[in-house]
Amino acid sequence: LEGVCDSYGNFDWLEYGGIWFITIIMTIYGMTAALLAGIASALSVYAAQSVSYQNPIRGILTASSLRSSSWNRPTEAASILDSNEIGRKKILIIQLQGHLFFGNVAQLTDNIKATLEQKKGTPAEPWIVIIDFTLVLGMDSSAAQAIGKLKDTMRKRFHIDVAIFVSGSRDGFPCKYDLSHELSCPADPADHDTISKEAALLFGGEAKMEKINTPANLVHTPRLIRSSRDTGLPIPQNLVCDSLDSALIFAENVLIARKNPCLLEDIAEFREPLTKSNNEGEFYSSDEEKRSAIIFLSNLCPGESLPDVEQLFSLFKREVYNENEIIWRQGSVSDSAKLLVKGRLLSLLENEEGALEGILAGAMLGELGLVKGIDRLNTVQCVSDGAVLYSLDREDWDVLKRDNPRIARFIDMIVIRYLAHRVQHVSNRIFETRCLPV
């Protein structure tokens, strides 16, 4: 009975039932009969699982029609990601589903290798592969070990620069085997400074670092190497992220760094923390801050001339908020649109637990309420030490519409771009195929 007790909870009900069946046969008829019962049980379980479990691959696609949360990038960075030669088309996303077990993992790995073999040496050859386990319900140890071997095959045989594995949870993958540790190529403690200083740009300028210097969107700290394709920053060969969005942000940053690492440095510079003055609670208002604000607004208005963007920005008024201060509450009157220049905010829906979304520097908020005149749809709170926003109030907006409708159209276009972003955001597109890109 030791095997029955020790294996409880480690197998699904079919496999665990087979263990009980073998135990009973061995107790009544002896070891020889138990061996035959084991063979019959294994064949029966394999047949049942093959019928019950669906194709483990839900879909394989490039990231060309997907958008991450980091969508309002500088024009040059956006042009890199939109390029057919060096952009998102070089990111291959493989989404898995259902249960992975010894009976279907061979089909899974063979299909992935066949896809990579087909693309090898062609313009469609991927540089980055993201394998998403978010929809995987369970995985046995043999399947987990096969995934670990697939990681090595992708690097050695297909020369994949970065393989990103999405667990779908900070708790890791749905298996007893420590697959997160196996896939992430964890770094030595001595490498942590390299993660937090030289390569932190790849994890996003706003990536919160935990005590072990692991960016908050990663499950394990990865070991860094130099890319075979001359990426300007050291990158991990493999890493494990907790969400598909964070994996796509990292993959996009790798593509940008490969072409021009300075772009990531510029983004991080614009999003540096606030600088406090001698009077507590006050912050410096500097020319650099206004320059950053105009650049952020230009990113939201691609193709528009700088003088026109500066004319629009001249109507914005500076506001400073402290940590935990409420910007507005859900249901309040929409009397302004705001551009976040410094700090971090949190958007949440009241009475809906878990409905949260972070807002990073460079984002505009409240533009839909300003244009449509509807009440606030969410509550927004400052979650950093402080935040600087520039606000366009309703009175100035009404004057702008009347006197300069061409400039006012910039705000309308920002509303449309945010709508397009929501439709094409990876969390919507990858899980619901009827939500087509626009």
Protein backbone atom coordinates (compact mmCIF):
# COMPACT_ATOMS: atom_id res chain seq x y z
CA LEU A 1 0.00 0.00 0.00
CA GLU A 2 3.03 2.28 0.16
CA GLY A 3 2.82 2.98 -3.58
CA VAL A 4 -0.90 3.73 -3.29
CA CYS A 5 -0.34 6.25 -0.51
CA ASP A 6 2.76 7.94 -1.94
CA SER A 7 1.23 8.39 -5.36
CA TYR A 8 -2.02 9.94 -4.10
CA GLY A 9 -2.52 13.36 -5.68
CA ASN A 10 0.33 12.95 -8.17
CA PHE A 11 -1.73 11.36 -10.96
CA ASP A 12 -5.14 11.90 -12.51
CA TRP A 13 -8.01 9.58 -11.58
CA LEU A 14 -7.41 7.17 -14.50
CA GLU A 15 -3.73 6.65 -13.63
CA TYR A 16 -4.40 6.43 -9.91
CA GLY A 17 -7.20 3.92 -10.56
CA GLY A 18 -4.70 1.81 -12.49
CA ILE A 19 -2.39 1.78 -9.44
CA TRP A 20 -5.24 0.48 -7.25
CA PHE A 21 -6.07 -2.15 -9.87
CA ILE A 22 -2.47 -3.44 -9.94
CA THR A 23 -2.30 -3.44 -6.14
CA ILE A 24 -5.47 -5.50 -5.81
CA ILE A 25 -4.36 -8.03 -8.46
CA MET A 26 -0.93 -8.39 -6.83
CA THR A 27 -2.51 -8.96 -3.41
CA ILE A 28 -4.88 -11.67 -4.66
CA TYR A 29 -2.96 -13.38 -7.49
CA GLY A 30 0.71 -12.51 -6.97
CA MET A 31 3.46 -10.63 -8.79
CA THR A 32 3.21 -12.33 -12.20
CA ALA A 33 -0.47 -11.53 -12.53
CA ALA A 34 0.25 -7.98 -11.33
CA LEU A 35 2.78 -7.48 -14.14
CA LEU A 36 0.20 -8.51 -16.71
CA ALA A 37 -2.36 -6.28 -15.02
CA GLY A 38 0.11 -3.39 -15.20
CA ILE A 39 0.52 -3.82 -18.95
CA ALA A 40 -3.24 -3.98 -19.45
CA SER A 41 -3.76 -0.95 -17.20
CA ALA A 42 -1.14 1.14 -19.02
CA LEU A 43 -2.64 0.34 -22.41
CA SER A 44 -6.15 1.10 -21.16
CA VAL A 45 -5.13 4.41 -19.58
CA TYR A 46 -3.26 5.43 -22.73
CA ALA A 47 -6.29 4.64 -24.92
CA ALA A 48 -8.66 6.50 -22.59
CA GLN A 49 -6.43 9.57 -22.35
CA SER A 50 -5.88 9.66 -26.10
CA VAL A 51 -9.66 9.76 -26.63
CA SER A 52 -10.43 12.14 -23.74
CA TYR A 53 -7.70 14.73 -24.20
CA GLN A 54 -7.78 17.14 -27.10
CA ASN A 55 -4.95 18.15 -29.39
CA PRO A 56 -2.33 19.65 -27.04
CA ILE A 57 -1.52 22.48 -29.47
CA ARG A 58 -4.29 25.07 -29.65
CA GLY A 59 -2.55 27.20 -32.22
CA ILE A 60 0.75 28.41 -33.66
CA LEU A 61 1.04 32.01 -34.86
CA THR A 62 3.45 34.89 -35.12
CA ALA A 63 3.10 37.97 -32.94
CA SER A 64 2.57 40.26 -35.94
CA SER A 65 -1.11 40.87 -35.12
CA LEU A 66 -0.68 40.92 -31.33
CA ARG A 67 0.04 43.87 -29.06
CA SER A 68 1.42 43.89 -25.53
CA SER A 69 0.63 46.36 -22.77
CA SER A 70 3.76 48.29 -23.76
CA TRP A 71 2.20 49.62 -26.95
CA ASN A 72 2.85 53.37 -26.80
CA ARG A 73 6.52 53.13 -27.68
CA PRO A 74 8.59 55.77 -29.50
CA THR A 75 8.08 55.90 -33.25
CA GLU A 76 11.49 54.36 -34.03
CA ALA A 77 10.87 51.45 -31.64
CA ALA A 78 7.40 50.91 -33.09
CA SER A 79 8.84 50.84 -36.62
CA ILE A 80 11.28 48.10 -35.57
CA LEU A 81 8.46 45.97 -34.16
CA ASP A 82 6.29 46.52 -37.25
CA SER A 83 9.09 45.51 -39.64
CA ASN A 84 8.61 42.30 -41.59
CA GLU A 85 12.34 41.52 -41.40
CA ILE A 86 13.23 42.25 -37.75
CA GLY A 87 9.90 42.85 -36.03
CA ARG A 88 7.13 40.87 -34.35
CA LYS A 89 7.05 38.37 -37.21
CA LYS A 90 10.26 36.99 -35.69
CA ILE A 91 8.30 36.00 -32.57
CA LEU A 92 6.55 32.62 -32.80
CA ILE A 93 3.83 31.90 -30.22
CA ILE A 94 2.75 28.33 -29.52
CA GLN A 95 -0.29 27.99 -27.29
CA LEU A 96 -0.90 24.67 -25.55
CA GLN A 97 -4.10 23.38 -23.99
CA GLY A 98 -5.68 20.56 -22.02
CA HIS A 99 -3.67 17.79 -20.35
CA LEU A 100 -0.12 16.90 -21.36
CA PHE A 101 0.89 13.30 -20.70
CA PHE A 102 3.21 10.65 -22.05
CA GLY A 103 0.70 9.70 -24.75
CA ASN A 104 0.48 13.09 -26.49
CA VAL A 105 3.72 14.85 -25.58
CA ALA A 106 5.55 13.11 -28.45
CA GLN A 107 2.99 14.49 -30.89
CA LEU A 108 3.40 17.90 -29.27
CA THR A 109 7.18 18.05 -29.54
CA ASP A 110 7.20 16.54 -33.04
CA ASN A 111 4.73 19.16 -34.31
CA ILE A 112 6.77 22.00 -32.80
CA LYS A 113 10.00 20.67 -34.30
CA ALA A 114 8.31 20.17 -37.68
CA THR A 115 7.07 23.78 -37.62
CA LEU A 116 10.53 25.12 -36.77
CA GLU A 117 12.13 22.88 -39.42
CA GLN A 118 9.72 24.20 -42.02
CA LYS A 119 10.58 27.81 -41.18
CA LYS A 120 14.33 27.26 -40.81
CA GLY A 121 16.39 29.17 -43.35
CA THR A 122 13.39 31.13 -44.67
CA PRO A 123 12.35 34.76 -44.08
CA ALA A 124 9.78 33.38 -41.62
CA GLU A 125 12.44 31.78 -39.38
CA PRO A 126 11.71 32.86 -35.79
CA TRP A 127 14.32 34.31 -33.45
CA ILE A 128 12.15 34.07 -30.34
CA VAL A 129 9.71 31.30 -29.41
CA ILE A 130 7.03 31.74 -26.75
CA ILE A 131 5.33 28.56 -25.52
CA ASP A 132 2.20 29.38 -23.53
CA PHE A 133 0.95 26.92 -20.89
CA THR A 134 -1.85 29.15 -19.58
CA LEU A 135 -4.60 26.82 -20.85
CA VAL A 136 -2.82 23.63 -19.78
CA LEU A 137 -4.83 21.90 -17.03
CA GLY A 138 -2.32 19.29 -15.98
CA MET A 139 0.97 17.69 -16.90
CA ASP A 140 2.63 14.43 -15.86
CA SER A 141 6.35 14.12 -15.15
CA SER A 142 7.17 12.48 -18.49
CA ALA A 143 5.57 15.38 -20.38
CA ALA A 144 7.42 17.91 -18.21
CA GLN A 145 10.76 16.23 -18.89
CA ALA A 146 10.01 16.17 -22.62
CA ILE A 147 9.40 19.92 -22.55
CA GLY A 148 12.80 20.36 -20.90
CA LYS A 149 14.46 18.43 -23.71
CA LEU A 150 12.53 20.48 -26.29
CA LYS A 151 14.10 23.62 -24.82
CA ASP A 152 17.60 22.31 -25.59
CA THR A 153 16.58 21.15 -29.07
CA MET A 154 15.22 24.57 -30.02
CA ARG A 155 18.48 26.23 -29.05
CA LYS A 156 20.97 23.72 -30.50
CA ARG A 157 19.17 22.52 -33.62
CA PHE A 158 17.10 25.56 -34.60
CA HIS A 159 19.30 28.34 -33.12
CA ILE A 160 16.45 30.05 -31.30
CA ASP A 161 17.84 33.13 -29.52
CA VAL A 162 15.32 33.13 -26.67
CA ALA A 163 12.76 30.54 -25.61
CA ILE A 164 10.12 31.98 -23.29
CA PHE A 165 7.80 29.66 -21.37
CA VAL A 166 4.58 31.10 -19.94
CA SER A 167 3.38 29.30 -16.83
CA GLY A 168 0.17 31.31 -16.54
CA SER A 169 0.69 31.63 -12.78
CA ARG A 170 3.27 32.80 -10.28
CA ASP A 171 2.90 29.32 -8.74
CA GLY A 172 4.54 27.77 -11.80
CA PHE A 173 3.40 25.00 -14.09
CA PRO A 174 0.54 22.56 -13.29
CA CYS A 175 2.77 19.60 -12.43
CA LYS A 176 4.74 18.15 -9.52
CA TYR A 177 8.00 18.28 -11.46
CA ASP A 178 9.94 21.54 -10.93
CA LEU A 179 9.60 22.57 -14.56
CA SER A 180 10.05 26.29 -13.83
CA HIS A 181 13.55 25.67 -12.51
CA GLU A 182 14.35 23.34 -15.42
CA LEU A 183 13.26 25.81 -18.09
CA SER A 184 14.58 29.08 -16.70
CA CYS A 185 18.33 28.28 -16.61
CA PRO A 186 18.57 29.98 -13.20
CA ALA A 187 21.51 32.26 -12.62
CA ASP A 188 24.06 32.01 -9.87
CA PRO A 189 23.64 34.49 -6.99
CA ALA A 190 26.75 36.31 -8.22
CA ASP A 191 24.91 37.15 -11.46
CA HIS A 192 22.13 39.13 -9.79
CA ASP A 193 23.87 42.48 -10.24
CA THR A 194 24.04 41.81 -13.97
CA ILE A 195 20.29 41.13 -14.02
CA SER A 196 19.34 44.24 -12.11
CA LYS A 197 21.76 46.73 -13.71
CA GLU A 198 22.90 45.91 -17.24
CA ALA A 199 19.94 43.85 -18.45
CA ALA A 200 17.07 45.39 -16.46
CA LEU A 201 16.11 47.36 -19.57
CA LEU A 202 14.95 44.14 -21.25
CA PHE A 203 12.50 43.51 -18.44
CA GLY A 204 10.99 46.97 -18.85
CA GLY A 205 11.94 50.27 -17.28
CA GLU A 206 9.08 49.92 -14.80
CA ALA A 207 9.73 46.27 -13.85
CA LYS A 208 9.51 45.98 -10.09
CA MET A 209 12.44 44.05 -8.64
CA GLU A 210 11.92 41.61 -5.81
CA LYS A 211 14.37 41.01 -2.95
CA ILE A 212 16.28 38.45 -5.01
CA ASN A 213 16.52 40.95 -7.88
CA THR A 214 14.09 39.01 -10.04
CA PRO A 215 11.76 41.19 -12.15
CA ALA A 216 8.22 40.73 -10.86
CA ASN A 217 6.93 39.26 -14.13
CA LEU A 218 9.45 36.40 -14.04
CA VAL A 219 9.11 33.17 -12.09
CA HIS A 220 12.88 32.61 -11.82
CA THR A 221 15.95 34.79 -12.38
CA PRO A 222 17.48 33.63 -15.69
CA ARG A 223 21.14 33.29 -16.62
CA LEU A 224 22.23 35.84 -19.21
CA ILE A 225 24.28 35.21 -22.38
CA ARG A 226 25.28 37.17 -25.46
CA SER A 227 22.99 36.61 -28.40
CA SER A 228 24.33 34.85 -31.48
CA ARG A 229 22.66 37.62 -33.50
CA ASP A 230 24.65 40.44 -31.89
CA THR A 231 21.97 41.75 -29.56
CA GLY A 232 23.33 44.83 -27.87
CA LEU A 233 22.46 43.59 -24.38
CA PRO A 234 23.01 40.22 -22.68
CA ILE A 235 19.84 38.17 -22.89
CA PRO A 236 18.65 34.90 -21.33
CA GLN A 237 18.50 31.84 -23.55
CA ASN A 238 15.43 30.64 -21.67
CA LEU A 239 13.13 32.21 -19.13
CA VAL A 240 9.77 31.60 -17.49
CA CYS A 241 7.17 34.38 -17.32
CA ASP A 242 3.88 34.30 -15.43
CA SER A 243 1.78 35.83 -18.21
CA LEU A 244 1.73 35.97 -21.99
CA ASP A 245 1.67 39.76 -21.88
CA SER A 246 4.91 40.00 -19.89
CA ALA A 247 6.51 37.42 -22.21
CA LEU A 248 5.55 39.46 -25.28
CA ILE A 249 6.87 42.69 -23.70
CA PHE A 250 10.20 40.99 -23.05
CA ALA A 251 10.34 39.55 -26.58
CA GLU A 252 9.61 42.98 -28.07
CA ASN A 253 12.37 44.52 -25.94
CA VAL A 254 14.84 41.92 -27.21
CA LEU A 255 13.99 42.81 -30.81
CA ILE A 256 14.42 46.52 -30.10
CA ALA A 257 17.72 45.93 -28.24
CA ARG A 258 19.04 43.88 -31.14
CA LYS A 259 18.57 46.83 -33.49
CA ASN A 260 19.17 49.80 -31.18
CA PRO A 261 19.72 49.27 -27.42
CA CYS A 262 19.76 53.05 -26.93
CA LEU A 263 16.00 53.13 -27.50
CA LEU A 264 15.40 51.07 -24.36
CA GLU A 265 17.79 53.32 -22.44
CA ASP A 266 15.89 56.40 -23.61
CA ILE A 267 12.56 54.90 -22.50
CA ALA A 268 14.02 54.08 -19.08
CA GLU A 269 15.43 57.60 -18.77
CA PHE A 270 12.04 59.16 -19.44
CA ARG A 271 10.48 56.92 -16.77
CA GLU A 272 12.96 57.59 -14.00
CA PRO A 273 11.52 57.97 -10.48
CA LEU A 274 10.40 61.35 -9.21
CA THR A 275 12.90 63.74 -7.65
CA LYS A 276 11.70 65.31 -4.41
CA SER A 277 12.51 68.89 -3.45
CA ASN A 278 13.49 70.08 0.00
CA ASN A 279 9.84 70.53 0.93
CA GLU A 280 8.36 67.12 1.58
CA GLY A 281 5.54 66.20 -0.75
CA GLU A 282 6.68 68.57 -3.50
CA PHE A 283 8.48 67.59 -6.68
CA TYR A 284 10.64 69.45 -9.10
CA SER A 285 9.03 70.63 -12.31
CA SER A 286 11.87 70.59 -14.81
CA ASP A 287 12.41 71.15 -18.50
CA GLU A 288 13.36 67.47 -18.78
CA GLU A 289 10.00 66.51 -17.33
CA LYS A 290 8.15 68.64 -19.88
CA ARG A 291 10.33 67.23 -22.63
CA SER A 292 9.38 63.73 -21.52
CA ALA A 293 5.71 64.71 -21.45
CA ILE A 294 5.85 66.05 -25.01
CA ILE A 295 7.65 62.92 -26.21
CA PHE A 296 5.00 60.72 -24.55
CA LEU A 297 2.25 62.77 -26.19
CA SER A 298 4.04 62.51 -29.55
CA ASN A 299 4.16 58.73 -29.15
CA LEU A 300 0.37 58.79 -28.74
CA CYS A 301 0.01 60.98 -31.85
CA PRO A 302 2.23 59.24 -34.45
CA GLY A 303 2.72 61.13 -37.67
CA GLU A 304 1.81 64.52 -36.23
CA SER A 305 4.28 67.39 -36.28
CA LEU A 306 6.07 68.41 -33.11
CA PRO A 307 4.73 72.02 -33.18
CA ASP A 308 1.16 70.68 -33.31
CA VAL A 309 1.83 68.32 -30.42
CA GLU A 310 3.39 71.18 -28.43
CA GLN A 311 0.33 73.32 -29.14
CA LEU A 312 -1.91 70.59 -27.74
CA PHE A 313 0.37 70.10 -24.73
CA SER A 314 0.21 73.84 -23.92
CA LEU A 315 -3.38 73.26 -22.74
CA PHE A 316 -2.33 70.61 -20.20
CA LYS A 317 -1.87 71.60 -16.55
CA ARG A 318 0.60 69.89 -14.19
CA GLU A 319 -0.73 67.89 -11.23
CA VAL A 320 1.12 66.02 -8.48
CA TYR A 321 -0.29 63.09 -6.48
CA ASN A 322 1.18 61.27 -3.49
CA GLU A 323 1.21 57.55 -2.78
CA ASN A 324 -2.26 56.00 -2.21
CA GLU A 325 -3.97 59.22 -3.31
CA ILE A 326 -7.06 58.72 -5.48
CA ILE A 327 -6.96 60.38 -8.91
CA TRP A 328 -10.69 59.80 -9.41
CA ARG A 329 -13.34 57.32 -8.34
CA GLN A 330 -15.57 55.11 -10.42
CA GLY A 331 -18.85 56.85 -11.24
CA SER A 332 -17.48 60.39 -10.81
CA VAL A 333 -17.89 63.03 -13.51
CA SER A 334 -15.36 62.86 -16.36
CA ASP A 335 -13.97 66.38 -16.37
CA SER A 336 -10.46 65.80 -17.77
CA ALA A 337 -8.02 63.55 -19.60
CA LYS A 338 -4.60 63.05 -18.03
CA LEU A 339 -1.13 62.13 -19.29
CA LEU A 340 1.00 60.18 -16.79
CA VAL A 341 4.58 61.44 -16.98
CA LYS A 342 6.15 60.14 -13.76
CA GLY A 343 5.17 57.38 -11.33
CA ARG A 344 2.75 54.45 -11.49
CA LEU A 345 -1.02 54.27 -11.15
CA LEU A 346 -3.47 51.44 -10.62
CA SER A 347 -6.82 51.19 -12.38
CA LEU A 348 -9.47 49.05 -10.68
CA LEU A 349 -13.15 48.24 -11.00
CA GLU A 350 -15.01 48.50 -7.72
CA ASN A 351 -17.04 45.47 -6.57
CA GLU A 352 -15.13 43.25 -9.04
CA GLU A 353 -12.35 41.44 -7.23
CA GLY A 354 -9.17 41.01 -9.23
CA ALA A 355 -10.14 43.54 -11.94
CA LEU A 356 -6.87 45.49 -11.79
CA GLU A 357 -4.55 47.02 -14.35
CA GLY A 358 -1.32 48.93 -13.87
CA ILE A 359 -0.76 52.25 -15.64
CA LEU A 360 2.82 53.20 -16.51
CA ALA A 361 4.41 56.49 -17.50
CA GLY A 362 3.54 57.52 -21.04
CA ALA A 363 -0.10 56.46 -20.83
CA MET A 364 -3.13 58.71 -21.21
CA LEU A 365 -6.19 58.03 -19.09
CA GLY A 366 -9.70 59.44 -19.01
CA GLU A 367 -9.72 60.39 -22.70
CA LEU A 368 -12.87 58.34 -23.46
CA GLY A 369 -14.87 60.06 -20.71
CA LEU A 370 -13.67 63.47 -21.89
CA VAL A 371 -14.68 62.82 -25.52
CA LYS A 372 -17.97 61.00 -24.88
CA GLY A 373 -18.98 62.79 -21.69
CA ILE A 374 -19.64 59.59 -19.74
CA ASP A 375 -18.87 59.10 -16.05
CA ARG A 376 -15.64 57.47 -14.93
CA LEU A 377 -15.66 53.75 -15.60
CA ASN A 378 -12.95 52.92 -13.06
CA THR A 379 -11.13 54.09 -9.95
CA VAL A 380 -7.53 55.25 -10.40
CA GLN A 381 -5.03 55.40 -7.54
CA CYS A 382 -1.38 56.38 -7.22
CA VAL A 383 0.70 53.35 -6.15
CA SER A 384 4.23 54.82 -6.39
CA ASP A 385 5.94 57.28 -4.04
CA GLY A 386 4.42 60.02 -6.14
CA ALA A 387 3.06 60.72 -9.60
CA VAL A 388 3.12 63.67 -11.97
CA LEU A 389 0.29 64.00 -14.46
CA TYR A 390 -0.59 66.67 -17.01
CA SER A 391 -4.33 67.27 -17.28
CA LEU A 392 -6.53 68.59 -20.09
CA ASP A 393 -9.78 69.79 -18.47
CA ARG A 394 -13.20 69.92 -20.10
CA GLU A 395 -13.31 73.69 -20.43
CA ASP A 396 -10.08 73.80 -22.44
CA TRP A 397 -11.22 70.77 -24.44
CA ASP A 398 -14.46 72.48 -25.45
CA VAL A 399 -12.55 75.61 -26.50
CA LEU A 400 -10.09 73.49 -28.50
CA LYS A 401 -12.91 71.71 -30.35
CA ARG A 402 -14.47 75.02 -31.25
CA ASP A 403 -11.36 76.98 -32.20
CA ASN A 404 -9.01 74.31 -33.53
CA PRO A 405 -10.81 71.09 -34.48
CA ARG A 406 -7.75 69.80 -36.33
CA ILE A 407 -5.70 69.69 -33.11
CA ALA A 408 -8.72 68.43 -31.15
CA ARG A 409 -8.83 65.48 -33.53
CA PHE A 410 -5.55 64.27 -31.94
CA ILE A 411 -7.49 63.33 -28.80
CA ASP A 412 -10.12 61.55 -30.90
CA MET A 413 -7.38 59.55 -32.59
CA ILE A 414 -5.89 58.62 -29.20
CA VAL A 415 -9.29 57.20 -28.21
CA ILE A 416 -9.34 55.15 -31.43
CA ARG A 417 -5.77 53.92 -30.87
CA TYR A 418 -6.62 52.80 -27.35
CA LEU A 419 -9.66 50.94 -28.70
CA ALA A 420 -7.48 49.23 -31.32
CA HIS A 421 -4.98 48.34 -28.62
CA ARG A 422 -7.70 46.73 -26.50
CA VAL A 423 -8.95 44.67 -29.43
CA GLN A 424 -5.47 43.52 -30.44
CA HIS A 425 -4.09 43.07 -26.94
CA VAL A 426 -2.57 39.64 -26.54
CA SER A 427 -4.87 38.66 -23.64
CA ASN A 428 -7.90 39.12 -25.90
CA ARG A 429 -6.55 37.82 -29.20
CA ILE A 430 -4.90 34.64 -27.98
CA PHE A 431 -7.79 33.31 -25.92
CA GLU A 432 -10.72 34.24 -28.15
CA THR A 433 -10.15 33.81 -31.87
CA ARG A 434 -13.38 35.59 -32.78
CA CYS A 435 -11.78 38.84 -31.52
CA LEU A 436 -10.04 39.71 -34.76
CA PRO A 437 -7.36 42.36 -35.19
CA VAL A 438 -8.32 45.77 -36.55
